[in-house]
Amino acid sequence: MDLKNRHRPLGIVDLCSWLFPLTYLVHVAEEYWCGEGYPAYILRVRGVQLSTTRFLVAQALGTVLMAAGIILARRFNFPHMVVIIVASIALVNGLTHTMTSLSSGVYGPGVVSSALIWIPLSIFCLVHFRNDLSRKRYLTAVAIGLAVNVLVFVITMRGARLV
C-alpha cells in the first residue's frame, strides 16, 4: 500500500501507468512489421526458433498481464509501485534493444520505439516517482522489474516455450 500517497490524486501515475501498455503495442508493432520482424531477427542473431504465432501470443499475454497489474495496483492501492515495476521492465528492454543494435551496427526490430519512447518514458517515471515510495519499496519494485526481464529473456531464448 502506498501510504505516502493515500491522499494525493493519482492522475499522473495513472496516465504514466497506462502509457506503458499503449506504447507496448507500438513496440510490438515495430517488432512485428519492421525490418525482418522479431522472430526472424532472433533466429538470425541468437539461433532461437520463435514462431510468429508464439511471438504474438507472448506479446498478447504481456499486454494482458501489464493491464491486469495496473488495474489491480489501482484497486489495491499500490499504483506508484507498479509504475516503477513496469518502467524498470521497459527500460531494460529498451536498453537491450538499443545496445544490441548499436553493437551490431544494424537495425533490430523494436529499437526505434525503445530509443524514442520506452527509454525516455521509463527514465521519466523512475525519476518522477522515486520519492513517492519508501527507498525499500522503490528498490523492491526495480528488482521485480529486473526479475521479470530475466524471466522474459529465459522464455524468449526457449522460443516462448514454457515447458
C-alpha atoms as a PDB file:
ATOM      1  CA  MET A   1       0.000   0.000   0.000  1.00  0.00           C
ATOM      2  CA  ASP A   2       1.379   3.424  -0.947  1.00  0.00           C
ATOM      3  CA  LEU A   3       0.684   5.147   2.377  1.00  0.00           C
ATOM      4  CA  LYS A   4       2.753   8.194   1.434  1.00  0.00           C
ATOM      5  CA  ASN A   5       0.263   8.963  -1.351  1.00  0.00           C
ATOM      6  CA  ARG A   6      -3.099   7.890   0.015  1.00  0.00           C
ATOM      7  CA  HIS A   7      -4.460  11.468  -0.039  1.00  0.00           C
ATOM      8  CA  ARG A   8      -2.831  12.502  -3.330  1.00  0.00           C
ATOM      9  CA  PRO A   9      -4.713  12.391  -6.650  1.00  0.00           C
ATOM     10  CA  LEU A  10      -3.482   9.639  -8.928  1.00  0.00           C
ATOM     11  CA  GLY A  11      -3.773  11.490 -12.242  1.00  0.00           C
ATOM     12  CA  ILE A  12      -0.158  11.418 -13.396  1.00  0.00           C
ATOM     13  CA  VAL A  13       0.638   7.955 -12.052  1.00  0.00           C
ATOM     14  CA  ASP A  14      -2.481   6.604 -13.764  1.00  0.00           C
ATOM     15  CA  LEU A  15      -1.534   8.333 -17.015  1.00  0.00           C
ATOM     16  CA  CYS A  16       2.035   7.070 -16.889  1.00  0.00           C
ATOM     17  CA  SER A  17       0.901   3.565 -15.960  1.00  0.00           C
ATOM     18  CA  TRP A  18      -1.430   3.337 -18.957  1.00  0.00           C
ATOM     19  CA  LEU A  19       1.170   4.800 -21.326  1.00  0.00           C
ATOM     20  CA  PHE A  20       3.199   1.597 -20.941  1.00  0.00           C
ATOM     21  CA  PRO A  21       0.647  -0.864 -22.372  1.00  0.00           C
ATOM     22  CA  LEU A  22      -0.255   1.654 -25.092  1.00  0.00           C
ATOM     23  CA  THR A  23       3.375   2.149 -26.099  1.00  0.00           C
ATOM     24  CA  TYR A  24       3.935  -1.604 -25.751  1.00  0.00           C
ATOM     25  CA  LEU A  25       1.511  -2.045 -28.649  1.00  0.00           C
ATOM     26  CA  VAL A  26       3.611   0.408 -30.691  1.00  0.00           C
ATOM     27  CA  HIS A  27       6.759  -1.512 -29.700  1.00  0.00           C
ATOM     28  CA  VAL A  28       5.232  -4.881 -30.648  1.00  0.00           C
ATOM     29  CA  ALA A  29       4.002  -3.465 -33.970  1.00  0.00           C
ATOM     30  CA  GLU A  30       7.548  -2.330 -34.747  1.00  0.00           C
ATOM     31  CA  GLU A  31       8.953  -5.725 -33.744  1.00  0.00           C
ATOM     32  CA  TYR A  32       6.400  -7.493 -35.946  1.00  0.00           C
ATOM     33  CA  TRP A  33       6.312  -5.332 -39.083  1.00  0.00           C
ATOM     34  CA  CYS A  34       9.672  -3.570 -39.270  1.00  0.00           C
ATOM     35  CA  GLY A  35      12.918  -4.940 -40.606  1.00  0.00           C
ATOM     36  CA  GLU A  36      12.855  -8.701 -40.907  1.00  0.00           C
ATOM     37  CA  GLY A  37      10.478  -8.999 -37.934  1.00  0.00           C
ATOM     38  CA  TYR A  38      11.492 -10.099 -34.461  1.00  0.00           C
ATOM     39  CA  PRO A  39      11.053 -13.886 -34.954  1.00  0.00           C
ATOM     40  CA  ALA A  40      13.395 -13.865 -37.991  1.00  0.00           C
ATOM     41  CA  TYR A  41      15.771 -11.464 -36.225  1.00  0.00           C
ATOM     42  CA  ILE A  42      16.094 -13.579 -33.063  1.00  0.00           C
ATOM     43  CA  LEU A  43      16.669 -16.668 -35.238  1.00  0.00           C
ATOM     44  CA  ARG A  44      19.448 -14.934 -37.174  1.00  0.00           C
ATOM     45  CA  VAL A  45      21.106 -13.260 -34.177  1.00  0.00           C
ATOM     46  CA  ARG A  46      20.678 -15.915 -31.464  1.00  0.00           C
ATOM     47  CA  GLY A  47      19.586 -19.055 -33.288  1.00  0.00           C
ATOM     48  CA  VAL A  48      16.271 -19.088 -31.417  1.00  0.00           C
ATOM     49  CA  GLN A  49      13.267 -20.630 -33.172  1.00  0.00           C
ATOM     50  CA  LEU A  50      10.365 -18.343 -32.257  1.00  0.00           C
ATOM     51  CA  SER A  51       7.327 -18.770 -34.468  1.00  0.00           C
ATOM     52  CA  THR A  52       5.261 -15.744 -35.380  1.00  0.00           C
ATOM     53  CA  THR A  53       2.308 -17.307 -33.565  1.00  0.00           C
ATOM     54  CA  ARG A  54       4.294 -17.814 -30.349  1.00  0.00           C
ATOM     55  CA  PHE A  55       5.651 -14.282 -30.638  1.00  0.00           C
ATOM     56  CA  LEU A  56       2.163 -12.787 -30.980  1.00  0.00           C
ATOM     57  CA  VAL A  57       0.700 -14.944 -28.190  1.00  0.00           C
ATOM     58  CA  ALA A  58       3.559 -13.944 -25.871  1.00  0.00           C
ATOM     59  CA  GLN A  59       3.039 -10.256 -26.689  1.00  0.00           C
ATOM     60  CA  ALA A  60      -0.725 -10.536 -26.139  1.00  0.00           C
ATOM     61  CA  LEU A  61      -0.069 -12.212 -22.782  1.00  0.00           C
ATOM     62  CA  GLY A  62       2.365  -9.423 -21.888  1.00  0.00           C
ATOM     63  CA  THR A  63      -0.248  -6.793 -22.713  1.00  0.00           C
ATOM     64  CA  VAL A  64      -2.931  -8.537 -20.646  1.00  0.00           C
ATOM     65  CA  LEU A  65      -0.600  -9.030 -17.662  1.00  0.00           C
ATOM     66  CA  MET A  66       0.511  -5.401 -17.778  1.00  0.00           C
ATOM     67  CA  ALA A  67      -3.075  -4.128 -17.898  1.00  0.00           C
ATOM     68  CA  ALA A  68      -4.160  -6.519 -15.130  1.00  0.00           C
ATOM     69  CA  GLY A  69      -1.262  -5.373 -12.963  1.00  0.00           C
ATOM     70  CA  ILE A  70      -2.219  -1.724 -13.428  1.00  0.00           C
ATOM     71  CA  ILE A  71      -5.879  -2.406 -12.632  1.00  0.00           C
ATOM     72  CA  LEU A  72      -5.006  -4.456  -9.535  1.00  0.00           C
ATOM     73  CA  ALA A  73      -2.484  -1.846  -8.394  1.00  0.00           C
ATOM     74  CA  ARG A  74      -5.135   0.855  -8.596  1.00  0.00           C
ATOM     75  CA  ARG A  75      -7.707  -1.342  -6.841  1.00  0.00           C
ATOM     76  CA  PHE A  76      -5.390  -2.389  -4.005  1.00  0.00           C
ATOM     77  CA  ASN A  77      -3.604   0.969  -3.705  1.00  0.00           C
ATOM     78  CA  PHE A  78      -0.085   0.348  -4.993  1.00  0.00           C
ATOM     79  CA  PRO A  79      -0.116   2.287  -8.307  1.00  0.00           C
ATOM     80  CA  HIS A  80       3.219   4.002  -7.663  1.00  0.00           C
ATOM     81  CA  MET A  81       4.917   0.668  -7.097  1.00  0.00           C
ATOM     82  CA  VAL A  82       3.507  -0.862 -10.276  1.00  0.00           C
ATOM     83  CA  VAL A  83       4.591   2.111 -12.403  1.00  0.00           C
ATOM     84  CA  ILE A  84       8.162   1.637 -11.102  1.00  0.00           C
ATOM     85  CA  ILE A  85       7.994  -2.101 -11.875  1.00  0.00           C
ATOM     86  CA  VAL A  86       6.715  -1.512 -15.415  1.00  0.00           C
ATOM     87  CA  ALA A  87       9.167   1.349 -16.016  1.00  0.00           C
ATOM     88  CA  SER A  88      12.038  -0.913 -14.941  1.00  0.00           C
ATOM     89  CA  ILE A  89      10.867  -3.650 -17.303  1.00  0.00           C
ATOM     90  CA  ALA A  90      10.536  -1.220 -20.228  1.00  0.00           C
ATOM     91  CA  LEU A  91      13.872   0.483 -19.519  1.00  0.00           C
ATOM     92  CA  VAL A  92      15.838  -2.772 -19.503  1.00  0.00           C
ATOM     93  CA  ASN A  93      14.032  -3.979 -22.635  1.00  0.00           C
ATOM     94  CA  GLY A  94      14.666  -0.661 -24.356  1.00  0.00           C
ATOM     95  CA  LEU A  95      18.334  -0.581 -23.381  1.00  0.00           C
ATOM     96  CA  THR A  96      18.779  -4.170 -24.558  1.00  0.00           C
ATOM     97  CA  HIS A  97      17.324  -3.368 -27.986  1.00  0.00           C
ATOM     98  CA  THR A  98      19.392  -0.194 -28.256  1.00  0.00           C
ATOM     99  CA  MET A  99      22.702  -1.702 -27.128  1.00  0.00           C
ATOM    100  CA  THR A 100      22.245  -4.735 -29.390  1.00  0.00           C
ATOM    101  CA  SER A 101      21.619  -2.522 -32.426  1.00  0.00           C
ATOM    102  CA  LEU A 102      24.495  -0.186 -31.592  1.00  0.00           C
ATOM    103  CA  SER A 103      26.947  -3.027 -31.006  1.00  0.00           C
ATOM    104  CA  SER A 104      25.979  -4.867 -34.203  1.00  0.00           C
ATOM    105  CA  GLY A 105      25.607  -1.713 -36.279  1.00  0.00           C
ATOM    106  CA  VAL A 106      22.333  -2.925 -37.781  1.00  0.00           C
ATOM    107  CA  TYR A 107      18.663  -2.232 -37.179  1.00  0.00           C
ATOM    108  CA  GLY A 108      16.946  -4.562 -34.741  1.00  0.00           C
ATOM    109  CA  PRO A 109      13.143  -4.720 -34.620  1.00  0.00           C
ATOM    110  CA  GLY A 110      11.981  -2.643 -31.647  1.00  0.00           C
ATOM    111  CA  VAL A 111      14.969  -0.306 -31.424  1.00  0.00           C
ATOM    112  CA  VAL A 112      13.218   2.848 -32.658  1.00  0.00           C
ATOM    113  CA  SER A 113      10.316   2.617 -30.201  1.00  0.00           C
ATOM    114  CA  SER A 114      12.813   1.692 -27.492  1.00  0.00           C
ATOM    115  CA  ALA A 115      15.048   4.695 -28.086  1.00  0.00           C
ATOM    116  CA  LEU A 116      12.311   7.237 -28.763  1.00  0.00           C
ATOM    117  CA  ILE A 117       9.541   6.098 -26.407  1.00  0.00           C
ATOM    118  CA  TRP A 118      10.403   3.465 -23.813  1.00  0.00           C
ATOM    119  CA  ILE A 119      13.762   4.704 -22.574  1.00  0.00           C
ATOM    120  CA  PRO A 120      12.625   8.341 -22.105  1.00  0.00           C
ATOM    121  CA  LEU A 121       9.237   7.330 -20.624  1.00  0.00           C
ATOM    122  CA  SER A 122      10.888   4.865 -18.247  1.00  0.00           C
ATOM    123  CA  ILE A 123      13.523   7.327 -17.074  1.00  0.00           C
ATOM    124  CA  PHE A 124      10.851   9.988 -16.535  1.00  0.00           C
ATOM    125  CA  CYS A 125       8.754   7.612 -14.406  1.00  0.00           C
ATOM    126  CA  LEU A 126      11.699   6.233 -12.435  1.00  0.00           C
ATOM    127  CA  VAL A 127      12.865   9.758 -11.582  1.00  0.00           C
ATOM    128  CA  HIS A 128       9.457  11.416 -11.150  1.00  0.00           C
ATOM    129  CA  PHE A 129       8.013   8.776  -8.808  1.00  0.00           C
ATOM    130  CA  ARG A 130      11.194   7.898  -6.859  1.00  0.00           C
ATOM    131  CA  ASN A 131      10.088   9.868  -3.797  1.00  0.00           C
ATOM    132  CA  ASP A 132       6.533   8.511  -3.852  1.00  0.00           C
ATOM    133  CA  LEU A 133       7.666   5.214  -2.328  1.00  0.00           C
ATOM    134  CA  SER A 134       9.977   4.413   0.528  1.00  0.00           C
ATOM    135  CA  ARG A 135      13.513   3.595  -0.601  1.00  0.00           C
ATOM    136  CA  LYS A 136      12.938  -0.071   0.244  1.00  0.00           C
ATOM    137  CA  ARG A 137       9.705  -0.305  -1.799  1.00  0.00           C
ATOM    138  CA  TYR A 138      11.261   1.613  -4.703  1.00  0.00           C
ATOM    139  CA  LEU A 139      14.253  -0.733  -4.843  1.00  0.00           C
ATOM    140  CA  THR A 140      11.955  -3.740  -4.461  1.00  0.00           C
ATOM    141  CA  ALA A 141       9.906  -2.521  -7.435  1.00  0.00           C
ATOM    142  CA  VAL A 142      13.071  -2.064  -9.519  1.00  0.00           C
ATOM    143  CA  ALA A 143      14.252  -5.554  -8.508  1.00  0.00           C
ATOM    144  CA  ILE A 144      10.889  -7.043  -9.522  1.00  0.00           C
ATOM    145  CA  GLY A 145      11.191  -5.301 -12.901  1.00  0.00           C
ATOM    146  CA  LEU A 146      14.680  -6.741 -13.366  1.00  0.00           C
ATOM    147  CA  ALA A 147      13.466 -10.220 -12.375  1.00  0.00           C
ATOM    148  CA  VAL A 148      10.639 -10.008 -14.912  1.00  0.00           C
ATOM    149  CA  ASN A 149      13.209  -9.153 -17.593  1.00  0.00           C
ATOM    150  CA  VAL A 150      15.255 -12.223 -16.683  1.00  0.00           C
ATOM    151  CA  LEU A 151      12.126 -14.374 -16.892  1.00  0.00           C
ATOM    152  CA  VAL A 152      11.158 -12.877 -20.273  1.00  0.00           C
ATOM    153  CA  PHE A 153      14.718 -13.454 -21.551  1.00  0.00           C
ATOM    154  CA  VAL A 154      14.658 -17.116 -20.494  1.00  0.00           C
ATOM    155  CA  ILE A 155      11.232 -17.661 -22.069  1.00  0.00           C
ATOM    156  CA  THR A 156      12.333 -15.883 -25.264  1.00  0.00           C
ATOM    157  CA  MET A 157      15.529 -17.940 -25.522  1.00  0.00           C
ATOM    158  CA  ARG A 158      13.337 -21.051 -25.276  1.00  0.00           C
ATOM    159  CA  GLY A 159      11.308 -19.854 -28.272  1.00  0.00           C
ATOM    160  CA  ALA A 160       8.422 -18.820 -25.967  1.00  0.00           C
ATOM    161  CA  ARG A 161       8.001 -22.435 -24.892  1.00  0.00           C
ATOM    162  CA  LEU A 162       7.080 -22.598 -21.221  1.00  0.00           C
ATOM    163  CA  VAL A 163       7.667 -26.362 -20.897  1.00  0.00           C
END
